[in-house]
Amino acid sequence: MVRPGADRGGDTRGSQHEPTRWPRRSIIATIRPVRPIVLLLFDCGRFSRARYGGMLIGIDARNLLFPLSGLGRFLTGAILEFERRGEDIHLFLPSPPTGNWAQSARDLTARIPTSISASASPAARAAWGQFTLPALARRAGVSLLWGPAHRLPRFGMNGLAKVLTVHDLVWRHAPGTMRRRTLWGERALMRQAVASADQITTVSQATRADLMAQFQPPAGRVRCVYPGVGPLPAPEDGGAVRRHGLTRPYALFVGTPEPRKNLARLIAAYRALAPDQRAACMLVIVGGGGWGDVDPTALARGMEEDIRVLGHVGDTELSALLAGARFLAMPSLYEGFGLPIIEANAFGVPVLTSSVASMPETGGDAAFYVDPLDTGSIRRGLAEMIADDALRGRLSGQARANAARFRWRDFGEGMRKVFDRALAERRPTN
């Protein structure tokens, strides 16, 4: 059972801001240019906790630094479920979580043993993941390291079980929608991570099929373990809707504005609707950050009365916007799972989404499917979802049952079985 501040060989702490706990901080904070080599040499003779009968699960928690992303939300939900189950876990972060938007990460690291380094840049984080992380994992005495998003260290893992989670293969199906550094990182590091993992999980059967086709790992090493829905708080009493002046029914887009989300085609399709259709249903866009040539405000210019760009909103506000939506519009080019689909379904809200990749698997009978590459198909889908009350009612009637298929409780049980298998099948690598 995880206990706040539990002692694990003098290497853990509850929060980096508590000076009285300084002796319990990872020594990574005091070792500079040679720290990975020093730590690896120092720890080469240590034994994992598993040799003495327990299981301490180490988690590469770098995605907690980006809580607004789908990976950040997935990791937060997974850690909360492990905590609920009483799993013995230790988090590893390449840098401290900063900013108001990172409060959830700070809350987790305040009560769960955590080692935090000082690798702020993308290049430094990549080096941290390959060299510093395994040293910290061995020093913390973990028996198993979980890479929840496509990465595992290549070196320094002898004697430690390794579990990898793969969310998608965007670099294979839609490389043009990725940042160049992310594309090359996926291409360079995913193959090694898949090859070295004792067990691999995917978040959908579609992603499992993609992974099997691309890398041909032994089928018995790869399992689909669905994530859960939420956790999202109960919605407000309509306050968020009123604050944003949403006086008409609206379709809702939720996601980071990036090329893969297909926001440009969605807005173009909405623009092509008849004036009376737009008058009957606004388009509301929620999501912060983003990159590439996707600027929702610019894409919506001249349509401000019908298209509202809200940017990032908090979870309580997001819940209210989801609950009040006529439907969710998510015509992505590619998704490994599509978390907003089941978040909307959990509020009884139907979904318009793409007929490719994992979206039919996730949306089930609670979604209307369109061709994401065909603006005309998206326009016709929007028109039907706006005008056809019977269609929306039928899909809405299936929504909560569809969302109920994806429970964090089931995820936790599934991952524990995978961890047990990995520990039993542990293979030295170097």
Protein backbone atom coordinates (compact mmCIF):
# COMPACT_ATOMS: atom_id res chain seq x y z
CA MET A 1 0.00 0.00 0.00
CA VAL A 2 1.38 3.40 -0.95
CA ARG A 3 1.83 5.66 2.04
CA PRO A 4 2.72 9.33 1.80
CA GLY A 5 6.38 9.69 2.53
CA ALA A 6 6.98 5.95 2.88
CA ASP A 7 10.70 5.20 3.19
CA ARG A 8 12.23 3.35 0.28
CA GLY A 9 15.90 3.21 0.99
CA GLY A 10 16.34 6.95 1.40
CA ASP A 11 15.57 7.71 -2.25
CA THR A 12 12.01 8.99 -2.24
CA ARG A 13 10.08 12.02 -1.24
CA GLY A 14 6.55 13.33 -1.19
CA SER A 15 7.23 16.82 -2.63
CA GLN A 16 10.28 18.62 -3.95
CA HIS A 17 9.20 21.75 -2.09
CA GLU A 18 9.62 20.35 1.41
CA PRO A 19 13.15 21.21 2.65
CA THR A 20 12.85 18.94 5.69
CA ARG A 21 12.73 16.00 3.33
CA TRP A 22 15.88 16.95 1.42
CA PRO A 23 17.89 13.92 2.55
CA ARG A 24 15.24 11.70 0.97
CA ARG A 25 15.51 13.29 -2.47
CA SER A 26 17.00 11.39 -5.35
CA ILE A 27 20.73 12.00 -5.60
CA ILE A 28 20.10 12.96 -9.21
CA ALA A 29 19.66 16.56 -7.99
CA THR A 30 23.29 16.71 -6.81
CA ILE A 31 25.06 14.97 -9.69
CA ARG A 32 25.59 17.00 -12.83
CA PRO A 33 27.16 16.07 -16.19
CA VAL A 34 28.28 12.55 -15.25
CA ARG A 35 25.21 11.62 -13.20
CA PRO A 36 23.85 8.83 -15.45
CA ILE A 37 27.23 7.02 -15.56
CA VAL A 38 27.88 7.49 -11.86
CA LEU A 39 24.43 6.24 -10.92
CA LEU A 40 24.60 3.24 -13.24
CA LEU A 41 27.98 2.24 -11.81
CA PHE A 42 26.81 2.83 -8.27
CA ASP A 43 23.71 0.70 -8.71
CA CYS A 44 25.14 -2.13 -10.79
CA GLY A 45 25.21 -4.52 -7.86
CA ARG A 46 21.80 -3.73 -6.37
CA PHE A 47 19.02 -6.29 -6.26
CA SER A 48 15.40 -5.55 -7.05
CA ARG A 49 12.73 -5.80 -4.42
CA ALA A 50 11.23 -8.69 -6.37
CA ARG A 51 14.08 -10.95 -5.22
CA TYR A 52 12.65 -10.66 -1.73
CA GLY A 53 9.04 -11.37 -2.71
CA GLY A 54 7.44 -7.93 -3.19
CA MET A 55 6.60 -5.84 -6.25
CA LEU A 56 7.50 -2.18 -6.41
CA ILE A 57 6.23 -0.76 -9.70
CA GLY A 58 8.29 2.06 -11.14
CA ILE A 59 6.47 4.38 -13.55
CA ASP A 60 8.03 6.64 -16.15
CA ALA A 61 5.76 9.57 -15.34
CA ARG A 62 7.10 12.18 -17.77
CA ASN A 63 3.64 12.63 -19.33
CA LEU A 64 2.34 14.05 -16.04
CA LEU A 65 4.19 17.18 -17.15
CA PHE A 66 1.61 17.55 -19.95
CA PRO A 67 -1.74 16.96 -18.20
CA LEU A 68 -3.74 18.63 -20.97
CA SER A 69 -2.76 15.95 -23.48
CA GLY A 70 -4.48 12.62 -23.95
CA LEU A 71 -1.39 10.82 -22.67
CA GLY A 72 -1.32 13.04 -19.59
CA ARG A 73 -4.97 12.29 -18.84
CA PHE A 74 -4.40 8.57 -19.42
CA LEU A 75 -1.43 8.45 -17.06
CA THR A 76 -3.24 10.42 -14.36
CA GLY A 77 -6.19 8.02 -14.50
CA ALA A 78 -3.87 4.99 -14.40
CA ILE A 79 -1.93 6.26 -11.38
CA LEU A 80 -5.13 7.08 -9.50
CA GLU A 81 -6.38 3.54 -10.15
CA PHE A 82 -3.10 1.98 -8.97
CA GLU A 83 -3.32 4.15 -5.86
CA ARG A 84 -6.93 3.04 -5.27
CA ARG A 85 -5.86 -0.60 -5.58
CA GLY A 86 -3.06 -0.11 -3.06
CA GLU A 87 -0.31 -0.93 -5.52
CA ASP A 88 3.22 -0.15 -4.38
CA ILE A 89 4.35 2.46 -6.92
CA HIS A 90 7.18 4.94 -7.39
CA LEU A 91 7.02 7.79 -9.92
CA PHE A 92 9.97 9.12 -11.92
CA LEU A 93 9.84 12.60 -13.46
CA PRO A 94 12.49 14.29 -15.61
CA SER A 95 11.63 17.74 -14.22
CA PRO A 96 9.28 19.31 -11.66
CA PRO A 97 5.67 19.93 -12.73
CA THR A 98 5.19 23.69 -13.02
CA GLY A 99 2.34 26.06 -13.82
CA ASN A 100 -1.24 26.15 -12.60
CA TRP A 101 -2.22 23.58 -15.21
CA ALA A 102 0.13 21.03 -13.58
CA GLN A 103 -1.62 21.07 -10.20
CA SER A 104 -2.90 17.50 -10.64
CA ALA A 105 0.67 16.29 -11.15
CA ARG A 106 1.83 18.15 -8.03
CA ASP A 107 -1.00 16.60 -6.05
CA LEU A 108 0.10 13.11 -7.10
CA THR A 109 3.79 13.67 -6.41
CA ALA A 110 2.98 15.17 -3.00
CA ARG A 111 1.54 11.88 -1.75
CA ILE A 112 3.23 9.19 -3.89
CA PRO A 113 6.97 8.51 -3.59
CA THR A 114 8.62 10.32 -6.48
CA SER A 115 12.11 10.95 -7.86
CA ILE A 116 12.32 14.25 -9.76
CA SER A 117 15.29 15.31 -11.88
CA ALA A 118 16.11 18.58 -13.64
CA SER A 119 15.94 17.69 -17.35
CA ALA A 120 13.76 20.43 -18.78
CA SER A 121 14.46 20.47 -22.53
CA PRO A 122 13.16 17.80 -24.95
CA ALA A 123 16.73 16.60 -25.60
CA ALA A 124 17.48 16.43 -21.88
CA ARG A 125 14.28 14.48 -21.24
CA ALA A 126 15.21 11.99 -23.98
CA ALA A 127 18.64 11.45 -22.39
CA TRP A 128 17.00 11.17 -18.97
CA GLY A 129 14.72 8.40 -20.24
CA GLN A 130 17.60 6.34 -21.62
CA PHE A 131 20.32 6.82 -19.01
CA THR A 132 19.15 8.49 -15.79
CA LEU A 133 15.80 6.71 -15.42
CA PRO A 134 17.23 3.15 -15.19
CA ALA A 135 19.74 4.29 -12.59
CA LEU A 136 17.01 5.90 -10.52
CA ALA A 137 14.79 2.84 -10.89
CA ARG A 138 17.50 0.53 -9.60
CA ARG A 139 18.34 2.87 -6.76
CA ALA A 140 14.68 3.04 -5.71
CA GLY A 141 14.63 -0.78 -5.65
CA VAL A 142 11.85 -1.22 -8.18
CA SER A 143 11.24 -4.72 -9.45
CA LEU A 144 9.40 -3.61 -12.58
CA LEU A 145 9.44 -0.49 -14.75
CA TRP A 146 6.35 0.55 -16.69
CA GLY A 147 6.78 2.75 -19.76
CA PRO A 148 3.21 4.06 -20.25
CA ALA A 149 3.87 5.85 -23.56
CA HIS A 150 6.14 4.13 -26.11
CA ARG A 151 9.51 4.37 -24.30
CA LEU A 152 11.74 2.05 -22.30
CA PRO A 153 15.41 2.54 -21.39
CA ARG A 154 17.83 0.62 -23.57
CA PHE A 155 20.58 0.27 -20.97
CA GLY A 156 20.89 -0.35 -17.25
CA MET A 157 17.83 -2.61 -16.94
CA ASN A 158 19.45 -5.98 -16.21
CA GLY A 159 17.29 -7.90 -13.73
CA LEU A 160 14.31 -5.53 -13.92
CA ALA A 161 11.04 -6.52 -15.55
CA LYS A 162 9.83 -4.14 -18.26
CA VAL A 163 6.28 -3.39 -19.41
CA LEU A 164 5.52 -1.10 -22.35
CA THR A 165 2.22 0.52 -23.34
CA VAL A 166 1.73 1.57 -26.97
CA HIS A 167 -1.12 3.97 -27.71
CA ASP A 168 -0.79 4.38 -31.44
CA LEU A 169 1.46 4.21 -34.48
CA VAL A 170 0.78 7.69 -35.81
CA TRP A 171 4.29 7.79 -37.28
CA ARG A 172 3.33 4.89 -39.54
CA HIS A 173 -0.19 5.98 -40.58
CA ALA A 174 -0.06 9.79 -40.51
CA PRO A 175 3.59 10.94 -40.25
CA GLY A 176 2.79 14.29 -41.85
CA THR A 177 0.67 15.23 -38.83
CA MET A 178 3.57 14.94 -36.36
CA ARG A 179 6.27 17.29 -35.15
CA ARG A 180 9.58 16.35 -36.77
CA ARG A 181 11.36 15.60 -33.48
CA THR A 182 8.47 13.43 -32.26
CA LEU A 183 8.36 11.57 -35.57
CA TRP A 184 12.05 10.74 -35.46
CA GLY A 185 11.87 9.83 -31.77
CA GLU A 186 9.07 7.35 -32.43
CA ARG A 187 10.89 5.83 -35.37
CA ALA A 188 14.18 5.56 -33.51
CA LEU A 189 13.02 4.39 -30.09
CA MET A 190 9.76 2.45 -30.40
CA ARG A 191 11.30 -0.60 -32.11
CA GLN A 192 13.90 -0.96 -29.36
CA ALA A 193 11.26 -0.55 -26.64
CA VAL A 194 9.01 -3.20 -28.21
CA ALA A 195 11.94 -5.60 -28.60
CA SER A 196 13.13 -5.23 -25.00
CA ALA A 197 9.77 -5.31 -23.19
CA ASP A 198 8.82 -8.42 -21.26
CA GLN A 199 5.15 -7.58 -21.81
CA ILE A 200 3.40 -5.04 -24.05
CA THR A 201 -0.07 -3.57 -23.74
CA THR A 202 -2.06 -1.53 -26.23
CA VAL A 203 -5.10 0.67 -25.60
CA SER A 204 -7.16 -0.81 -28.43
CA GLN A 205 -7.34 -3.90 -30.59
CA ALA A 206 -6.71 -1.64 -33.60
CA THR A 207 -3.40 -0.52 -32.13
CA ARG A 208 -2.51 -4.12 -31.26
CA ALA A 209 -3.08 -5.14 -34.88
CA ASP A 210 -0.93 -2.23 -36.07
CA LEU A 211 1.86 -3.13 -33.67
CA MET A 212 1.80 -6.82 -34.62
CA ALA A 213 1.97 -5.93 -38.32
CA GLN A 214 4.82 -3.46 -37.86
CA PHE A 215 7.10 -5.31 -35.42
CA GLN A 216 5.96 -8.99 -35.38
CA PRO A 217 6.52 -9.55 -31.63
CA PRO A 218 5.43 -12.90 -30.14
CA ALA A 219 1.64 -12.71 -29.92
CA GLY A 220 1.65 -13.91 -26.30
CA ARG A 221 3.60 -10.82 -25.26
CA VAL A 222 1.04 -8.30 -26.52
CA ARG A 223 -2.34 -7.68 -24.87
CA CYS A 224 -5.01 -5.04 -25.24
CA VAL A 225 -5.90 -3.39 -21.93
CA TYR A 226 -8.52 -0.69 -22.39
CA PRO A 227 -8.21 2.52 -20.36
CA GLY A 228 -11.11 3.78 -18.29
CA VAL A 229 -13.36 6.78 -18.68
CA GLY A 230 -12.67 9.96 -16.76
CA PRO A 231 -12.07 10.81 -14.07
CA LEU A 232 -14.10 13.93 -14.82
CA PRO A 233 -15.94 15.81 -12.05
CA ALA A 234 -19.69 16.25 -12.00
CA PRO A 235 -20.72 19.08 -14.32
CA GLU A 236 -21.70 22.51 -13.10
CA ASP A 237 -25.34 23.63 -13.24
CA GLY A 238 -24.90 25.24 -16.66
CA GLY A 239 -22.70 28.08 -15.46
CA ALA A 240 -19.92 27.34 -17.94
CA VAL A 241 -22.37 27.30 -20.83
CA ARG A 242 -23.81 30.66 -19.80
CA ARG A 243 -20.38 32.24 -19.21
CA HIS A 244 -19.37 31.53 -22.78
CA GLY A 245 -22.60 32.85 -24.21
CA LEU A 246 -23.71 29.51 -25.65
CA THR A 247 -27.36 30.39 -26.07
CA ARG A 248 -28.02 27.89 -28.84
CA PRO A 249 -27.48 24.12 -29.11
CA TYR A 250 -23.87 23.33 -29.97
CA ALA A 251 -21.63 20.58 -31.28
CA LEU A 252 -18.40 20.26 -29.29
CA PHE A 253 -14.85 19.54 -30.43
CA VAL A 254 -12.36 18.54 -27.68
CA GLY A 255 -8.68 18.06 -28.44
CA THR A 256 -5.28 19.63 -28.89
CA PRO A 257 -5.32 21.71 -32.10
CA GLU A 258 -2.86 19.71 -34.18
CA PRO A 259 -2.98 18.32 -37.74
CA ARG A 260 -4.04 14.81 -36.71
CA LYS A 261 -7.27 16.10 -35.15
CA ASN A 262 -8.49 17.24 -38.60
CA LEU A 263 -9.85 20.50 -37.24
CA ALA A 264 -9.40 22.36 -40.54
CA ARG A 265 -11.72 19.95 -42.38
CA LEU A 266 -14.23 20.01 -39.52
CA ILE A 267 -14.47 23.81 -39.63
CA ALA A 268 -14.59 23.81 -43.44
CA ALA A 269 -17.43 21.28 -43.32
CA TYR A 270 -19.31 23.37 -40.76
CA ARG A 271 -18.84 26.50 -42.92
CA ALA A 272 -20.41 24.60 -45.83
CA LEU A 273 -23.63 23.93 -43.92
CA ALA A 274 -26.76 25.85 -44.89
CA PRO A 275 -27.31 29.02 -42.83
CA ASP A 276 -30.38 27.57 -41.13
CA GLN A 277 -28.33 24.50 -40.08
CA ARG A 278 -25.61 26.69 -38.53
CA ALA A 279 -28.29 28.77 -36.83
CA ALA A 280 -29.71 25.59 -35.29
CA CYS A 281 -26.36 24.42 -33.87
CA MET A 282 -23.13 26.23 -33.04
CA LEU A 283 -19.66 24.66 -33.16
CA VAL A 284 -17.63 25.02 -29.96
CA ILE A 285 -13.89 24.24 -29.95
CA VAL A 286 -12.10 23.33 -26.72
CA GLY A 287 -8.40 22.56 -26.42
CA GLY A 288 -5.17 24.30 -25.50
CA GLY A 289 -1.69 24.36 -26.94
CA GLY A 290 -1.44 22.94 -30.41
CA TRP A 291 1.09 23.29 -33.17
CA GLY A 292 1.59 23.26 -36.91
CA ASP A 293 -0.67 25.32 -39.10
CA VAL A 294 -3.75 24.66 -36.93
CA ASP A 295 -5.00 27.95 -35.49
CA PRO A 296 -8.67 27.51 -34.56
CA THR A 297 -9.21 31.27 -34.23
CA ALA A 298 -7.85 31.89 -37.71
CA LEU A 299 -9.81 28.98 -39.17
CA ALA A 300 -13.02 30.34 -37.63
CA ARG A 301 -12.46 33.96 -38.69
CA GLY A 302 -15.64 35.57 -39.97
CA MET A 303 -17.82 32.94 -38.29
CA GLU A 304 -17.52 34.11 -34.70
CA GLU A 305 -21.27 34.10 -34.14
CA ASP A 306 -21.47 30.42 -35.03
CA ILE A 307 -18.02 29.08 -34.06
CA ARG A 308 -16.68 29.69 -30.56
CA VAL A 309 -13.02 28.96 -29.77
CA LEU A 310 -12.65 28.56 -26.00
CA GLY A 311 -9.08 27.27 -25.70
CA HIS A 312 -8.14 25.29 -22.61
CA VAL A 313 -10.78 24.79 -19.92
CA GLY A 314 -10.59 23.06 -16.55
CA ASP A 315 -12.10 19.63 -15.92
CA THR A 316 -15.22 20.93 -14.17
CA GLU A 317 -15.91 23.31 -17.05
CA LEU A 318 -15.17 20.56 -19.58
CA SER A 319 -17.70 18.31 -17.85
CA ALA A 320 -20.35 21.02 -18.12
CA LEU A 321 -19.61 21.63 -21.80
CA LEU A 322 -19.69 17.90 -22.58
CA ALA A 323 -22.93 17.35 -20.69
CA GLY A 324 -24.60 20.28 -22.48
CA ALA A 325 -23.47 19.38 -26.02
CA ARG A 326 -25.87 18.19 -28.69
CA PHE A 327 -23.06 15.90 -29.86
CA LEU A 328 -19.26 15.58 -29.89
CA ALA A 329 -17.57 16.17 -33.26
CA MET A 330 -14.25 14.28 -33.54
CA PRO A 331 -13.33 13.46 -37.18
CA SER A 332 -9.67 12.63 -36.43
CA LEU A 333 -7.38 11.30 -39.13
CA TYR A 334 -6.04 8.70 -36.71
CA GLU A 335 -6.47 7.78 -33.03
CA GLY A 336 -5.05 4.96 -30.97
CA PHE A 337 -8.13 5.08 -28.74
CA GLY A 338 -10.05 8.38 -28.73
CA LEU A 339 -10.65 9.25 -25.07
CA PRO A 340 -13.07 12.18 -25.71
CA ILE A 341 -15.50 9.69 -27.32
CA ILE A 342 -16.11 7.80 -24.11
CA GLU A 343 -15.90 10.95 -21.98
CA ALA A 344 -18.81 12.35 -24.01
CA ASN A 345 -20.65 9.00 -23.94
CA ALA A 346 -20.35 8.93 -20.14
CA PHE A 347 -22.65 12.00 -20.09
CA GLY A 348 -25.08 10.37 -22.53
CA VAL A 349 -23.81 12.50 -25.43
CA PRO A 350 -23.61 10.93 -28.91
CA VAL A 351 -20.55 11.31 -31.14
CA LEU A 352 -19.71 12.08 -34.75
CA THR A 353 -16.33 10.50 -35.46
CA SER A 354 -14.18 8.84 -38.11
CA SER A 355 -14.68 5.42 -39.62
CA VAL A 356 -10.95 4.57 -39.45
CA ALA A 357 -8.36 3.28 -36.97
CA SER A 358 -9.69 2.74 -33.44
CA MET A 359 -12.69 5.08 -33.55
CA PRO A 360 -15.32 2.44 -34.51
CA GLU A 361 -13.94 0.17 -31.78
CA THR A 362 -14.24 2.92 -29.18
CA GLY A 363 -17.45 4.54 -30.40
CA GLY A 364 -19.38 1.29 -30.87
CA ASP A 365 -23.11 1.83 -31.42
CA ALA A 366 -23.06 5.33 -29.90
CA ALA A 367 -21.42 7.13 -32.82
CA PHE A 368 -22.14 8.32 -36.37
CA TYR A 369 -19.18 7.60 -38.65
CA VAL A 370 -17.75 9.75 -41.46
CA ASP A 371 -14.78 9.66 -43.83
CA PRO A 372 -12.22 12.01 -42.24
CA LEU A 373 -10.53 12.74 -45.58
CA ASP A 374 -13.78 13.85 -47.25
CA THR A 375 -15.03 17.28 -46.19
CA GLY A 376 -18.34 16.50 -47.88
CA SER A 377 -18.79 13.37 -45.76
CA ILE A 378 -18.12 15.39 -42.58
CA ARG A 379 -20.59 18.09 -43.73
CA ARG A 380 -23.32 15.52 -44.40
CA GLY A 381 -22.66 13.93 -41.02
CA LEU A 382 -22.93 17.29 -39.27
CA ALA A 383 -26.17 18.06 -41.10
CA GLU A 384 -27.72 14.73 -40.08
CA MET A 385 -26.60 15.00 -36.46
CA ILE A 386 -27.99 18.55 -36.25
CA ALA A 387 -31.35 17.88 -37.88
CA ASP A 388 -32.24 14.27 -37.04
CA ASP A 389 -33.59 14.12 -33.50
CA ALA A 390 -34.38 10.40 -33.83
CA LEU A 391 -30.79 9.63 -34.87
CA ARG A 392 -29.33 11.53 -31.94
CA GLY A 393 -31.82 9.93 -29.58
CA ARG A 394 -30.89 6.44 -30.74
CA LEU A 395 -27.17 7.11 -30.39
CA SER A 396 -27.64 8.84 -27.06
CA GLY A 397 -29.56 5.82 -25.80
CA GLN A 398 -26.45 3.70 -26.44
CA ALA A 399 -23.93 6.21 -25.10
CA ARG A 400 -23.73 5.39 -21.40
CA ALA A 401 -23.72 1.64 -22.07
CA ASN A 402 -20.85 2.14 -24.49
CA ALA A 403 -18.86 4.20 -21.98
CA ALA A 404 -19.46 1.56 -19.31
CA ARG A 405 -17.34 -0.87 -21.32
CA PHE A 406 -14.27 1.14 -20.33
CA ARG A 407 -13.62 1.14 -16.57
CA TRP A 408 -10.44 2.06 -14.73
CA ARG A 409 -11.14 -0.85 -12.38
CA ASP A 410 -10.83 -3.27 -15.30
CA PHE A 411 -7.70 -1.47 -16.48
CA GLY A 412 -6.09 -1.85 -13.05
CA GLU A 413 -6.90 -5.56 -12.88
CA GLY A 414 -5.64 -6.10 -16.41
CA MET A 415 -2.39 -4.25 -15.83
CA ARG A 416 -1.72 -6.14 -12.61
CA LYS A 417 -1.97 -9.43 -14.52
CA VAL A 418 0.44 -8.05 -17.11
CA PHE A 419 2.87 -6.91 -14.40
CA ASP A 420 2.76 -10.36 -12.79
CA ARG A 421 3.49 -12.02 -16.14
CA ALA A 422 6.36 -9.64 -16.83
CA LEU A 423 7.91 -10.31 -13.44
CA ALA A 424 7.61 -14.05 -13.97
CA GLU A 425 9.13 -13.83 -17.46
CA ARG A 426 11.83 -11.30 -16.70
CA ARG A 427 14.68 -11.47 -19.19
CA PRO A 428 18.13 -9.92 -18.61
CA THR A 429 19.05 -7.54 -21.42
CA ASN A 430 22.54 -6.28 -20.61
